[in-house]
N, C-alpha and C. Protein backbone atom coordinates (compact mmCIF):
# COMPACT_ATOMS: atom_id res chain seq x y z
N MET A 1 219.86 87.85 157.62
CA MET A 1 219.03 88.08 158.43
C MET A 1 217.96 89.05 158.39
N ASP A 2 216.70 89.01 159.10
CA ASP A 2 215.68 89.89 158.83
C ASP A 2 215.50 90.88 160.11
N PHE A 3 215.38 92.27 159.74
CA PHE A 3 215.56 93.26 161.03
C PHE A 3 214.28 93.97 160.60
N ASN A 4 213.55 94.13 162.09
CA ASN A 4 212.27 94.98 162.22
C ASN A 4 212.61 96.21 162.54
N ALA A 5 212.09 96.98 161.12
CA ALA A 5 212.39 98.43 161.32
C ALA A 5 211.74 99.40 162.76
N ASN A 6 210.19 98.76 163.03
CA ASN A 6 209.64 99.40 164.39
C ASN A 6 210.82 99.23 165.26
N LYS A 7 210.94 98.13 165.81
CA LYS A 7 211.69 97.63 166.78
C LYS A 7 213.32 98.47 166.60
N ALA A 8 213.47 98.23 165.81
CA ALA A 8 214.77 99.41 165.38
C ALA A 8 214.67 100.67 165.87
N ARG A 9 213.46 101.61 165.43
CA ARG A 9 213.28 102.56 165.69
C ARG A 9 213.13 102.99 167.08
N GLU A 10 212.16 102.09 167.79
CA GLU A 10 212.00 101.83 169.11
C GLU A 10 213.56 101.94 169.98
N ILE A 11 214.16 101.09 169.96
CA ILE A 11 215.78 101.00 170.29
C ILE A 11 216.37 102.40 170.24
N ILE A 12 216.46 102.68 169.15
CA ILE A 12 217.14 104.11 168.81
C ILE A 12 216.48 105.08 169.65
N MET A 13 215.37 105.44 169.77
CA MET A 13 214.70 106.29 170.27
C MET A 13 214.97 106.26 171.96
N ASN A 14 214.92 105.15 172.54
CA ASN A 14 215.15 105.05 173.87
C ASN A 14 216.41 105.16 174.07
N HIS A 15 217.53 104.71 173.37
CA HIS A 15 218.81 105.15 173.78
C HIS A 15 219.01 106.59 173.40
N TYR A 16 218.61 107.30 172.55
CA TYR A 16 218.62 108.77 172.56
C TYR A 16 218.03 109.55 173.53
N LEU A 17 216.59 109.18 174.02
CA LEU A 17 216.44 109.95 174.93
C LEU A 17 216.36 109.72 176.38
N ASP A 18 217.02 108.61 176.61
CA ASP A 18 217.68 108.13 177.85
C ASP A 18 218.84 107.32 178.01
N PRO A 19 219.97 108.14 177.58
CA PRO A 19 221.17 107.05 177.25
C PRO A 19 221.76 106.98 178.80
N GLU A 20 222.27 105.46 178.79
CA GLU A 20 222.70 105.34 180.14
C GLU A 20 224.23 105.55 180.04
N ASN A 21 224.74 105.85 179.12
CA ASN A 21 226.06 106.10 179.17
C ASN A 21 226.67 107.42 178.91
N LYS A 22 225.48 108.29 178.88
CA LYS A 22 225.70 109.90 178.37
C LYS A 22 225.91 110.51 179.89
N LYS A 23 227.21 111.10 180.31
CA LYS A 23 227.23 111.65 181.39
C LYS A 23 227.63 113.08 181.30
N PRO A 24 227.47 114.10 182.01
CA PRO A 24 228.16 115.23 182.08
C PRO A 24 229.57 115.09 182.02
N LEU A 25 230.23 115.63 181.09
CA LEU A 25 231.95 115.50 181.18
C LEU A 25 232.13 116.79 180.56
N SER A 26 233.48 117.21 181.08
CA SER A 26 233.96 118.51 180.63
C SER A 26 235.30 118.04 179.80
N VAL A 27 235.93 118.68 178.90
CA VAL A 27 237.04 118.45 178.03
C VAL A 27 238.29 118.05 178.94
N ASP A 28 238.22 118.23 180.17
CA ASP A 28 239.21 117.44 181.02
C ASP A 28 239.18 116.02 181.23
N ASP A 29 237.87 115.53 181.31
CA ASP A 29 237.33 114.46 181.46
C ASP A 29 237.59 113.20 180.19
N GLY A 30 237.94 113.45 179.10
CA GLY A 30 238.09 112.85 177.85
C GLY A 30 238.40 113.66 176.47
N GLU A 31 238.44 112.67 175.76
CA GLU A 31 238.88 113.52 174.20
C GLU A 31 237.70 113.88 173.70
N VAL A 32 238.02 115.35 172.94
CA VAL A 32 236.79 115.76 172.26
C VAL A 32 236.92 115.54 170.68
N PHE A 33 235.87 115.23 170.15
CA PHE A 33 235.96 114.88 168.59
C PHE A 33 234.77 115.30 168.09
N PHE A 34 234.90 115.85 166.58
CA PHE A 34 233.72 116.34 165.90
C PHE A 34 233.60 115.73 164.57
N SER A 35 232.65 115.73 164.38
CA SER A 35 232.13 115.09 162.95
C SER A 35 232.47 115.56 161.84
N SER A 36 232.83 115.15 160.91
CA SER A 36 233.43 115.93 159.72
C SER A 36 232.29 116.50 158.61
N THR A 37 231.05 115.94 159.09
CA THR A 37 230.01 116.27 158.09
C THR A 37 228.77 116.86 158.79
N CYS A 38 228.46 116.82 159.88
CA CYS A 38 227.42 117.42 160.74
C CYS A 38 228.14 118.18 161.92
N SER A 39 226.93 118.39 162.98
CA SER A 39 227.33 119.04 164.03
C SER A 39 227.49 118.37 164.96
N ASP A 40 227.57 117.07 165.26
CA ASP A 40 227.82 116.02 166.16
C ASP A 40 229.27 116.24 166.97
N LYS A 41 229.06 116.21 168.24
CA LYS A 41 230.12 116.61 169.08
C LYS A 41 230.27 115.27 170.27
N LEU A 42 231.66 114.99 170.32
CA LEU A 42 231.88 113.84 171.07
C LEU A 42 232.62 114.17 172.18
N ILE A 43 232.67 113.94 173.43
CA ILE A 43 233.29 113.93 174.47
C ILE A 43 233.40 112.40 174.78
N LEU A 44 234.41 112.04 174.79
CA LEU A 44 234.61 110.38 175.17
C LEU A 44 235.73 110.25 176.20
N HIS A 45 235.05 109.48 177.03
CA HIS A 45 236.03 108.89 178.51
C HIS A 45 235.83 107.49 178.47
N THR A 46 237.31 106.87 178.38
CA THR A 46 237.37 105.57 178.45
C THR A 46 238.80 105.23 179.39
N LYS A 47 238.37 104.17 180.37
CA LYS A 47 239.46 103.81 181.15
C LYS A 47 239.64 102.29 181.02
N PHE A 48 240.98 101.82 180.58
CA PHE A 48 241.11 100.39 180.61
C PHE A 48 241.88 99.95 181.93
N LYS A 49 241.69 98.53 182.23
CA LYS A 49 242.62 98.01 183.37
C LYS A 49 242.99 96.86 182.84
N ASP A 50 244.53 96.25 182.79
CA ASP A 50 244.56 95.09 182.57
C ASP A 50 244.00 94.69 181.08
N LYS A 51 244.11 95.64 180.24
CA LYS A 51 243.62 95.62 178.97
C LYS A 51 242.21 95.39 178.56
N LYS A 52 241.43 95.73 179.63
CA LYS A 52 239.99 95.43 179.55
C LYS A 52 239.21 96.88 179.88
N LEU A 53 238.21 97.12 179.02
CA LEU A 53 237.58 98.60 178.95
C LEU A 53 236.84 98.34 180.36
N ILE A 54 237.08 99.14 181.47
CA ILE A 54 236.30 99.15 182.64
C ILE A 54 235.43 100.38 183.05
N GLU A 55 235.51 101.22 182.21
CA GLU A 55 234.75 102.72 182.22
C GLU A 55 234.83 103.12 180.83
N ALA A 56 233.60 103.56 180.43
CA ALA A 56 233.07 104.22 179.29
C ALA A 56 231.83 104.96 179.29
N SER A 57 232.29 106.32 178.91
CA SER A 57 230.89 107.17 179.05
C SER A 57 231.27 108.37 177.90
N PHE A 58 230.04 108.91 177.57
CA PHE A 58 230.30 109.95 176.62
C PHE A 58 229.33 111.20 177.08
N ASP A 59 229.71 112.46 176.22
CA ASP A 59 229.07 113.56 176.54
C ASP A 59 228.93 114.13 175.21
N GLY A 60 228.06 115.01 174.76
CA GLY A 60 228.22 115.72 173.37
C GLY A 60 226.92 116.14 173.31
N HIS A 61 226.67 116.25 171.77
CA HIS A 61 225.27 116.70 171.22
C HIS A 61 225.47 116.30 170.02
N GLY A 62 224.06 115.76 169.32
CA GLY A 62 224.10 115.16 167.97
C GLY A 62 222.85 114.73 167.61
N CYS A 63 222.66 114.18 166.69
CA CYS A 63 221.42 113.51 166.00
C CYS A 63 221.13 112.26 166.76
N ALA A 64 219.90 111.91 166.61
CA ALA A 64 219.57 110.41 167.47
C ALA A 64 220.48 109.32 167.22
N ILE A 65 220.70 109.15 165.83
CA ILE A 65 221.67 108.10 165.15
C ILE A 65 223.15 108.21 166.14
N PHE A 66 223.64 109.48 166.28
CA PHE A 66 224.87 109.60 166.94
C PHE A 66 224.60 109.24 168.32
N ILE A 67 223.63 109.75 169.03
CA ILE A 67 223.40 109.60 170.54
C ILE A 67 223.23 108.18 170.90
N ALA A 68 222.29 107.62 170.09
CA ALA A 68 221.84 106.28 170.23
C ALA A 68 223.10 105.04 170.00
N ALA A 69 223.98 105.24 168.79
CA ALA A 69 224.77 104.34 168.40
C ALA A 69 226.05 104.64 169.61
N SER A 70 226.30 105.70 170.20
CA SER A 70 227.35 105.70 171.13
C SER A 70 227.14 104.97 172.30
N ASP A 71 225.72 105.23 172.78
CA ASP A 71 225.31 104.68 173.85
C ASP A 71 225.16 103.11 173.77
N ILE A 72 224.68 102.46 172.56
CA ILE A 72 224.56 100.96 172.70
C ILE A 72 226.00 100.73 172.33
N LEU A 73 226.77 101.21 171.58
CA LEU A 73 228.21 100.74 171.65
C LEU A 73 228.94 100.66 172.67
N LEU A 74 228.85 101.75 173.73
CA LEU A 74 229.76 101.78 174.78
C LEU A 74 229.02 100.69 175.72
N SER A 75 227.70 100.45 175.85
CA SER A 75 227.25 99.45 176.72
C SER A 75 227.83 97.93 176.17
N LEU A 76 228.06 97.86 175.00
CA LEU A 76 228.50 96.58 174.31
C LEU A 76 230.00 96.38 174.84
N LEU A 77 230.70 97.46 174.48
CA LEU A 77 232.03 97.22 174.88
C LEU A 77 232.82 97.02 176.24
N LYS A 78 231.90 97.62 177.29
CA LYS A 78 232.39 97.57 178.38
C LYS A 78 232.78 96.16 179.07
N ASN A 79 233.71 96.08 179.51
CA ASN A 79 234.43 94.50 180.16
C ASN A 79 234.83 93.63 179.11
N LYS A 80 235.07 94.31 177.95
CA LYS A 80 235.72 93.37 176.97
C LYS A 80 237.21 93.87 176.89
N ASN A 81 237.96 92.77 176.39
CA ASN A 81 239.21 93.02 176.06
C ASN A 81 239.36 93.83 174.87
N ILE A 82 240.79 94.21 174.77
CA ILE A 82 241.23 95.20 173.55
C ILE A 82 240.69 94.34 172.37
N ASP A 83 241.08 93.23 172.32
CA ASP A 83 240.89 92.20 171.31
C ASP A 83 239.54 92.14 170.81
N GLU A 84 238.80 91.95 171.60
CA GLU A 84 237.31 91.73 171.46
C GLU A 84 236.66 93.15 171.39
N ILE A 85 237.10 94.33 171.82
CA ILE A 85 236.66 95.46 171.18
C ILE A 85 237.09 95.93 169.83
N GLU A 86 238.23 95.42 169.38
CA GLU A 86 238.61 95.72 168.27
C GLU A 86 237.72 94.71 167.05
N GLN A 87 237.42 93.40 167.25
CA GLN A 87 236.73 92.85 166.54
C GLN A 87 235.22 93.41 166.32
N VAL A 88 234.74 93.72 167.44
CA VAL A 88 233.34 94.13 167.24
C VAL A 88 233.15 95.48 166.39
N LEU A 89 234.26 96.08 166.79
CA LEU A 89 234.20 97.69 166.05
C LEU A 89 234.49 97.37 164.67
N LEU A 90 235.21 96.56 164.07
CA LEU A 90 235.74 96.18 162.63
C LEU A 90 234.12 95.40 162.14
N ILE A 91 233.61 94.68 162.79
CA ILE A 91 232.49 94.19 162.38
C ILE A 91 231.45 95.09 162.14
N TYR A 92 231.42 95.97 163.19
CA TYR A 92 230.08 97.13 162.97
C TYR A 92 230.42 98.03 161.85
N GLN A 93 231.88 98.29 161.57
CA GLN A 93 232.21 99.27 160.36
C GLN A 93 231.58 98.52 159.22
N LYS A 94 231.74 97.09 158.96
CA LYS A 94 231.42 96.38 157.84
C LYS A 94 229.84 96.45 157.56
N PHE A 95 229.22 96.20 158.79
CA PHE A 95 227.93 95.95 159.01
C PHE A 95 227.24 97.56 158.54
N ILE A 96 227.77 98.63 159.17
CA ILE A 96 227.20 99.80 158.42
C ILE A 96 227.61 100.03 156.95
N MET A 97 228.34 99.83 156.27
CA MET A 97 228.66 99.89 155.07
C MET A 97 228.30 98.72 154.16
N GLN A 98 227.24 98.07 155.13
CA GLN A 98 226.55 97.04 154.09
C GLN A 98 227.30 95.91 153.35
N GLU A 99 228.57 95.63 154.13
CA GLU A 99 229.23 94.75 153.69
C GLU A 99 228.58 93.10 153.89
N GLU A 100 228.85 92.29 153.40
CA GLU A 100 228.69 90.67 153.74
C GLU A 100 229.07 90.08 155.15
N LEU A 101 228.15 89.86 155.93
CA LEU A 101 228.43 89.37 157.32
C LEU A 101 227.76 87.86 157.53
N SER A 102 228.29 87.26 158.48
CA SER A 102 227.65 86.00 158.86
C SER A 102 226.55 86.47 160.06
N ASN A 103 225.77 85.71 160.21
CA ASN A 103 224.92 85.77 161.14
C ASN A 103 225.76 85.98 162.41
N GLU A 104 226.58 84.88 162.66
CA GLU A 104 227.19 84.63 164.03
C GLU A 104 228.18 86.20 164.41
N GLN A 105 228.69 86.86 163.11
CA GLN A 105 229.35 88.11 163.61
C GLN A 105 228.12 89.24 163.62
N ILE A 106 226.84 89.21 163.09
CA ILE A 106 225.91 90.16 163.27
C ILE A 106 225.61 89.86 164.76
N ASN A 107 225.10 88.65 165.32
CA ASN A 107 225.01 88.51 166.51
C ASN A 107 226.04 89.15 167.64
N LEU A 108 227.08 89.29 167.26
CA LEU A 108 228.26 89.91 168.18
C LEU A 108 228.15 91.31 168.30
N LEU A 109 227.16 91.79 167.36
CA LEU A 109 227.02 93.56 167.71
C LEU A 109 225.73 93.81 168.41
N GLY A 110 225.06 92.87 168.89
CA GLY A 110 223.79 93.23 170.07
C GLY A 110 223.07 93.99 169.07
N ASP A 111 222.56 95.07 170.03
CA ASP A 111 221.32 96.01 169.56
C ASP A 111 222.02 96.84 168.49
N LEU A 112 223.21 96.81 167.96
CA LEU A 112 223.90 97.83 167.22
C LEU A 112 223.10 97.29 165.70
N TRP A 113 222.49 96.38 165.71
CA TRP A 113 221.65 95.70 164.67
C TRP A 113 220.80 96.69 164.07
N VAL A 114 220.38 97.73 164.90
CA VAL A 114 219.19 98.75 164.75
C VAL A 114 219.71 99.48 163.61
N PHE A 115 221.08 100.00 163.53
CA PHE A 115 221.77 100.79 162.31
C PHE A 115 221.81 100.09 160.98
N TYR A 116 220.96 98.88 160.57
CA TYR A 116 220.82 98.31 159.55
C TYR A 116 220.92 98.96 158.22
N ASN A 117 220.12 99.87 158.13
CA ASN A 117 219.89 100.65 157.05
C ASN A 117 220.38 102.26 156.99
N VAL A 118 221.39 102.21 157.99
CA VAL A 118 221.95 103.65 158.18
C VAL A 118 222.54 104.14 156.75
N LYS A 119 222.95 103.36 156.13
CA LYS A 119 223.74 103.49 154.80
C LYS A 119 222.89 104.03 153.76
N THR A 120 221.55 103.89 153.96
CA THR A 120 220.62 104.39 152.71
C THR A 120 220.62 105.99 152.66
N HIS A 121 221.07 106.50 153.93
CA HIS A 121 221.26 108.11 154.27
C HIS A 121 222.62 108.08 154.43
N LEU A 122 223.93 108.27 153.41
CA LEU A 122 224.97 108.26 153.35
C LEU A 122 225.41 109.25 154.59
N ASN A 123 225.05 110.46 154.73
CA ASN A 123 225.48 111.45 155.56
C ASN A 123 225.42 110.85 157.15
N ARG A 124 224.46 109.65 157.37
CA ARG A 124 224.26 109.13 158.49
C ARG A 124 225.17 108.10 159.08
N THR A 125 226.15 107.61 158.12
CA THR A 125 227.07 106.64 158.33
C THR A 125 228.09 107.27 159.15
N THR A 126 228.30 108.54 159.12
CA THR A 126 229.33 109.01 160.06
C THR A 126 228.82 109.55 161.14
N CYS A 127 227.58 109.57 161.54
CA CYS A 127 226.95 109.60 162.91
C CYS A 127 226.94 108.01 163.24
N ALA A 128 226.63 107.45 162.79
CA ALA A 128 226.63 106.12 163.55
C ALA A 128 227.92 105.50 163.81
N LEU A 129 229.13 105.96 163.04
CA LEU A 129 230.20 105.14 163.18
C LEU A 129 231.26 106.40 164.09
N LEU A 130 231.26 107.58 164.56
CA LEU A 130 231.72 108.48 165.10
C LEU A 130 232.69 107.99 166.47
N THR A 131 231.99 107.50 167.19
CA THR A 131 232.30 107.09 168.39
C THR A 131 233.15 105.62 168.08
N ALA A 132 233.05 104.67 167.32
CA ALA A 132 233.40 103.62 166.87
C ALA A 132 234.85 103.78 166.50
N GLU A 133 234.81 104.59 165.58
CA GLU A 133 236.10 105.01 164.94
C GLU A 133 237.06 105.72 165.78
N LYS A 134 236.47 106.49 166.50
CA LYS A 134 237.33 107.14 167.53
C LYS A 134 238.06 105.92 168.62
N ILE A 135 237.25 105.18 169.04
CA ILE A 135 237.61 104.10 169.93
C ILE A 135 238.89 103.25 169.17
N LEU A 136 238.52 103.09 167.80
CA LEU A 136 239.44 102.12 167.28
C LEU A 136 240.77 102.87 167.03
N LYS A 137 240.48 104.04 166.68
CA LYS A 137 241.99 104.66 166.51
C LYS A 137 242.71 105.11 167.71
N ASN A 138 242.14 105.02 168.88
CA ASN A 138 242.98 105.09 170.10
C ASN A 138 243.03 103.66 170.77
């Protein structure tokens, strides 16, 4: 699958500068996580009803990759059930690590495709995966 670097940059910057899922949250509103490799800080709020993600938002600070990945990911996962969420998150992890995926699997990622080359900067893989890994563990 071919990816457009200029389009990827545009999508990342739009989600970094104006993230729709980033809300002011306190530590009482969600779980707090820190990156092990940089200064990214995540406060993650999720609410499930009948095994479906009905609310998802985040707060924190970090680089454009972290903020954009968190925003795109939460938009994609809202209203999905737990099995669908797990499937998307596992595919996304493989995608970031540049493992072989089918076009069908890549299509499940929606705009997360913009992180197709993040592995070329190894320290950025943590930024792109922080929110995904925390959702997957919880």
